[in-house]
PDB file of N, CA and C in Angstrom:
ATOM      1  N   UNK A   1     116.879 -89.548  68.258  1.00  0.00           N
ATOM      2  CA  UNK A   1     117.455 -88.550  69.136  1.00  0.00           C
ATOM      3  C   UNK A   1     117.265 -87.151  68.562  1.00  0.00           C
ATOM      4  N   UNK A   2     117.209 -87.042  67.264  1.00  0.00           N
ATOM      5  CA  UNK A   2     117.050 -85.737  66.645  1.00  0.00           C
ATOM      6  C   UNK A   2     115.731 -85.083  67.043  1.00  0.00           C
ATOM      7  N   UNK A   3     114.674 -85.893  67.173  1.00  0.00           N
ATOM      8  CA  UNK A   3     113.384 -85.338  67.569  1.00  0.00           C
ATOM      9  C   UNK A   3     113.436 -84.768  68.980  1.00  0.00           C
ATOM     10  N   UNK A   4     114.237 -85.358  69.852  1.00  0.00           N
ATOM     11  CA  UNK A   4     114.371 -84.843  71.218  1.00  0.00           C
ATOM     12  C   UNK A   4     115.039 -83.475  71.213  1.00  0.00           C
ATOM     13  N   UNK A   5     116.054 -83.318  70.383  1.00  0.00           N
ATOM     14  CA  UNK A   5     116.751 -82.030  70.298  1.00  0.00           C
ATOM     15  C   UNK A   5     115.832 -80.968  69.706  1.00  0.00           C
ATOM     16  N   UNK A   6     115.157 -81.324  68.619  1.00  0.00           N
ATOM     17  CA  UNK A   6     114.264 -80.356  67.975  1.00  0.00           C
ATOM     18  C   UNK A   6     113.130 -79.934  68.900  1.00  0.00           C
ATOM     19  N   UNK A   7     112.518 -80.901  69.559  1.00  0.00           N
ATOM     20  CA  UNK A   7     111.393 -80.595  70.449  1.00  0.00           C
ATOM     21  C   UNK A   7     111.834 -79.733  71.625  1.00  0.00           C
ATOM     22  N   UNK A   8     112.981 -80.042  72.198  1.00  0.00           N
ATOM     23  CA  UNK A   8     113.428 -79.270  73.359  1.00  0.00           C
ATOM     24  C   UNK A   8     113.766 -77.832  72.981  1.00  0.00           C
ATOM     25  N   UNK A   9     114.361 -77.635  71.819  1.00  0.00           N
ATOM     26  CA  UNK A   9     114.693 -76.269  71.391  1.00  0.00           C
ATOM     27  C   UNK A   9     113.422 -75.477  71.093  1.00  0.00           C
ATOM     28  N   UNK A  10     112.478 -76.086  70.412  1.00  0.00           N
ATOM     29  CA  UNK A  10     111.239 -75.376  70.076  1.00  0.00           C
ATOM     30  C   UNK A  10     110.443 -75.038  71.332  1.00  0.00           C
ATOM     31  N   UNK A  11     110.287 -75.983  72.243  1.00  0.00           N
ATOM     32  CA  UNK A  11     109.517 -75.721  73.464  1.00  0.00           C
ATOM     33  C   UNK A  11     110.224 -74.698  74.350  1.00  0.00           C
ATOM     34  N   UNK A  12     111.564 -74.783  74.430  1.00  0.00           N
ATOM     35  CA  UNK A  12     112.307 -73.795  75.198  1.00  0.00           C
ATOM     36  C   UNK A  12     112.173 -72.401  74.622  1.00  0.00           C
ATOM     37  N   UNK A  13     112.227 -72.304  73.293  1.00  0.00           N
ATOM     38  CA  UNK A  13     112.070 -71.013  72.617  1.00  0.00           C
ATOM     39  C   UNK A  13     110.688 -70.433  72.899  1.00  0.00           C
ATOM     40  N   UNK A  14     109.663 -71.254  72.791  1.00  0.00           N
ATOM     41  CA  UNK A  14     108.302 -70.782  73.042  1.00  0.00           C
ATOM     42  C   UNK A  14     108.095 -70.381  74.500  1.00  0.00           C
ATOM     43  N   UNK A  15     108.700 -71.115  75.429  1.00  0.00           N
ATOM     44  CA  UNK A  15     108.574 -70.765  76.848  1.00  0.00           C
ATOM     45  C   UNK A  15     109.244 -69.425  77.132  1.00  0.00           C
ATOM     46  N   UNK A  16     110.408 -69.208  76.535  1.00  0.00           N
ATOM     47  CA  UNK A  16     111.092 -67.927  76.717  1.00  0.00           C
ATOM     48  C   UNK A  16     110.295 -66.768  76.167  1.00  0.00           C
ATOM     49  N   UNK A  17     109.723 -66.946  74.998  1.00  0.00           N
ATOM     50  CA  UNK A  17     108.898 -65.885  74.407  1.00  0.00           C
ATOM     51  C   UNK A  17     107.663 -65.629  75.262  1.00  0.00           C
ATOM     52  N   UNK A  18     107.060 -66.698  75.765  1.00  0.00           N
ATOM     53  CA  UNK A  18     105.840 -66.562  76.564  1.00  0.00           C
ATOM     54  C   UNK A  18     106.079 -65.735  77.821  1.00  0.00           C
ATOM     55  N   UNK A  19     107.169 -65.989  78.536  1.00  0.00           N
ATOM     56  CA  UNK A  19     107.384 -65.230  79.773  1.00  0.00           C
ATOM     57  C   UNK A  19     107.731 -63.775  79.480  1.00  0.00           C
ATOM     58  N   UNK A  20     108.370 -63.509  78.344  1.00  0.00           N
ATOM     59  CA  UNK A  20     108.638 -62.106  77.987  1.00  0.00           C
ATOM     60  C   UNK A  20     107.336 -61.406  77.619  1.00  0.00           C
ATOM     61  N   UNK A  21     106.467 -62.087  76.896  1.00  0.00           N
ATOM     62  CA  UNK A  21     105.178 -61.502  76.538  1.00  0.00           C
ATOM     63  C   UNK A  21     104.333 -61.245  77.783  1.00  0.00           C
ATOM     64  N   UNK A  22     104.477 -62.107  78.788  1.00  0.00           N
ATOM     65  CA  UNK A  22     103.713 -61.924  80.016  1.00  0.00           C
ATOM     66  C   UNK A  22     104.285 -60.839  80.927  1.00  0.00           C
ATOM     67  N   UNK A  23     105.418 -60.249  80.538  1.00  0.00           N
ATOM     68  CA  UNK A  23     105.911 -59.096  81.267  1.00  0.00           C
ATOM     69  C   UNK A  23     107.228 -59.257  81.995  1.00  0.00           C
ATOM     70  N   UNK A  24     107.849 -60.410  81.944  1.00  0.00           N
ATOM     71  CA  UNK A  24     109.148 -60.579  82.602  1.00  0.00           C
ATOM     72  C   UNK A  24     110.248 -59.955  81.739  1.00  0.00           C
ATOM     73  N   UNK A  25     111.402 -59.762  82.330  1.00  0.00           N
ATOM     74  CA  UNK A  25     112.512 -59.171  81.589  1.00  0.00           C
ATOM     75  C   UNK A  25     113.063 -60.174  80.578  1.00  0.00           C
ATOM     76  N   UNK A  26     113.712 -59.679  79.516  1.00  0.00           N
ATOM     77  CA  UNK A  26     114.289 -60.589  78.515  1.00  0.00           C
ATOM     78  C   UNK A  26     115.324 -61.554  79.094  1.00  0.00           C
ATOM     79  N   UNK A  27     116.088 -61.108  80.089  1.00  0.00           N
ATOM     80  CA  UNK A  27     117.073 -61.996  80.702  1.00  0.00           C
ATOM     81  C   UNK A  27     116.387 -63.157  81.417  1.00  0.00           C
ATOM     82  N   UNK A  28     115.293 -62.884  82.075  1.00  0.00           N
ATOM     83  CA  UNK A  28     114.521 -63.957  82.702  1.00  0.00           C
ATOM     84  C   UNK A  28     113.945 -64.896  81.657  1.00  0.00           C
ATOM     85  N   UNK A  29     113.542 -64.341  80.528  1.00  0.00           N
ATOM     86  CA  UNK A  29     113.026 -65.167  79.438  1.00  0.00           C
ATOM     87  C   UNK A  29     114.076 -66.125  78.906  1.00  0.00           C
ATOM     88  N   UNK A  30     115.308 -65.648  78.803  1.00  0.00           N
ATOM     89  CA  UNK A  30     116.407 -66.510  78.357  1.00  0.00           C
ATOM     90  C   UNK A  30     116.635 -67.629  79.371  1.00  0.00           C
ATOM     91  N   UNK A  31     116.584 -67.291  80.648  1.00  0.00           N
ATOM     92  CA  UNK A  31     116.768 -68.298  81.693  1.00  0.00           C
ATOM     93  C   UNK A  31     115.665 -69.341  81.693  1.00  0.00           C
ATOM     94  N   UNK A  32     114.439 -68.896  81.551  1.00  0.00           N
ATOM     95  CA  UNK A  32     113.314 -69.828  81.512  1.00  0.00           C
ATOM     96  C   UNK A  32     113.399 -70.705  80.268  1.00  0.00           C
ATOM     97  N   UNK A  33     113.730 -70.110  79.143  1.00  0.00           N
ATOM     98  CA  UNK A  33     113.854 -70.883  77.908  1.00  0.00           C
ATOM     99  C   UNK A  33     114.955 -71.925  77.995  1.00  0.00           C
ATOM    100  N   UNK A  34     116.087 -71.540  78.564  1.00  0.00           N
ATOM    101  CA  UNK A  34     117.193 -72.483  78.719  1.00  0.00           C
ATOM    102  C   UNK A  34     116.856 -73.614  79.672  1.00  0.00           C
ATOM    103  N   UNK A  35     116.232 -73.275  80.770  1.00  0.00           N
ATOM    104  CA  UNK A  35     115.832 -74.303  81.733  1.00  0.00           C
ATOM    105  C   UNK A  35     114.802 -75.258  81.162  1.00  0.00           C
ATOM    106  N   UNK A  36     113.866 -74.718  80.404  1.00  0.00           N
ATOM    107  CA  UNK A  36     112.860 -75.562  79.768  1.00  0.00           C
ATOM    108  C   UNK A  36     113.495 -76.479  78.737  1.00  0.00           C
ATOM    109  N   UNK A  37     114.450 -75.956  77.984  1.00  0.00           N
ATOM    110  CA  UNK A  37     115.149 -76.767  76.989  1.00  0.00           C
ATOM    111  C   UNK A  37     115.844 -77.954  77.652  1.00  0.00           C
ATOM    112  N   UNK A  38     116.535 -77.704  78.740  1.00  0.00           N
ATOM    113  CA  UNK A  38     117.234 -78.778  79.451  1.00  0.00           C
ATOM    114  C   UNK A  38     116.243 -79.797  80.005  1.00  0.00           C
ATOM    115  N   UNK A  39     115.158 -79.330  80.589  1.00  0.00           N
ATOM    116  CA  UNK A  39     114.175 -80.237  81.183  1.00  0.00           C
ATOM    117  C   UNK A  39     113.513 -81.123  80.131  1.00  0.00           C
ATOM    118  N   UNK A  40     113.119 -80.530  79.009  1.00  0.00           N
ATOM    119  CA  UNK A  40     112.456 -81.308  77.961  1.00  0.00           C
ATOM    120  C   UNK A  40     113.429 -82.290  77.327  1.00  0.00           C
ATOM    121  N   UNK A  41     114.666 -81.859  77.101  1.00  0.00           N
ATOM    122  CA  UNK A  41     115.661 -82.757  76.510  1.00  0.00           C
ATOM    123  C   UNK A  41     115.944 -83.939  77.437  1.00  0.00           C
ATOM    124  N   UNK A  42     116.072 -83.668  78.726  1.00  0.00           N
ATOM    125  CA  UNK A  42     116.319 -84.745  79.692  1.00  0.00           C
ATOM    126  C   UNK A  42     115.152 -85.729  79.741  1.00  0.00           C
ATOM    127  N   UNK A  43     113.940 -85.218  79.744  1.00  0.00           N
ATOM    128  CA  UNK A  43     112.769 -86.094  79.765  1.00  0.00           C
ATOM    129  C   UNK A  43     112.682 -86.932  78.497  1.00  0.00           C
ATOM    130  N   UNK A  44     112.957 -86.317  77.354  1.00  0.00           N
ATOM    131  CA  UNK A  44     112.887 -87.054  76.090  1.00  0.00           C
ATOM    132  C   UNK A  44     113.960 -88.129  76.010  1.00  0.00           C
ATOM    133  N   UNK A  45     115.173 -87.828  76.444  1.00  0.00           N
ATOM    134  CA  UNK A  45     116.246 -88.822  76.388  1.00  0.00           C
ATOM    135  C   UNK A  45     115.997 -89.951  77.380  1.00  0.00           C
ATOM    136  N   UNK A  46     115.384 -89.643  78.521  1.00  0.00           N
ATOM    137  CA  UNK A  46     115.018 -90.690  79.476  1.00  0.00           C
ATOM    138  C   UNK A  46     113.977 -91.623  78.869  1.00  0.00           C
ATOM    139  N   UNK A  47     112.992 -91.046  78.199  1.00  0.00           N
ATOM    140  CA  UNK A  47     111.961 -91.861  77.551  1.00  0.00           C
ATOM    141  C   UNK A  47     112.553 -92.713  76.430  1.00  0.00           C
ATOM    142  N   UNK A  48     113.444 -92.133  75.638  1.00  0.00           N
ATOM    143  CA  UNK A  48     114.084 -92.883  74.549  1.00  0.00           C
ATOM    144  C   UNK A  48     114.925 -94.019  75.124  1.00  0.00           C
ATOM    145  N   UNK A  49     115.656 -93.745  76.184  1.00  0.00           N
ATOM    146  CA  UNK A  49     116.457 -94.783  76.823  1.00  0.00           C
ATOM    147  C   UNK A  49     115.605 -95.904  77.388  1.00  0.00           C
ATOM    148  N   UNK A  50     114.475 -95.557  77.956  1.00  0.00           N
ATOM    149  CA  UNK A  50     113.573 -96.568  78.517  1.00  0.00           C
ATOM    150  C   UNK A  50     112.993 -97.449  77.414  1.00  0.00           C
ATOM    151  N   UNK A  51     112.562 -96.839  76.332  1.00  0.00           N
ATOM    152  CA  UNK A  51     111.971 -97.598  75.232  1.00  0.00           C
ATOM    153  C   UNK A  51     113.029 -98.474  74.562  1.00  0.00           C
ATOM    154  N   UNK A  52     114.223 -97.948  74.389  1.00  0.00           N
ATOM    155  CA  UNK A  52     115.306 -98.723  73.744  1.00  0.00           C
ATOM    156  C   UNK A  52     115.717 -99.902  74.614  1.00  0.00           C
ATOM    157  N   UNK A  53     115.729 -99.726  75.907  1.00  0.00           N
ATOM    158  CA  UNK A  53     116.119-100.800  76.819  1.00  0.00           C
ATOM    159  C   UNK A  53     115.063-101.896  76.860  1.00  0.00           C
ATOM    160  N   UNK A  54     113.806-101.540  76.693  1.00  0.00           N
ATOM    161  CA  UNK A  54     112.712-102.501  76.772  1.00  0.00           C
ATOM    162  C   UNK A  54     112.681-103.451  75.574  1.00  0.00           C
ATOM    163  N   UNK A  55     113.225-103.032  74.458  1.00  0.00           N
ATOM    164  CA  UNK A  55     113.165-103.857  73.243  1.00  0.00           C
ATOM    165  C   UNK A  55     114.177-104.952  73.255  1.00  0.00           C
TER     166      UNK A  55
END
């Protein structure tokens, strides 16, 4: 589970930085980063749950 948290935070951080570099406002960057963090974490936990259930 720790890898899911780490991956979601890193990808969310990078997504937020990317949209700010591309010209969006910093507040939009925070929103995009937060949304990306939630999406990646949800996908990772779903995958972990699926793999754990299959065993």
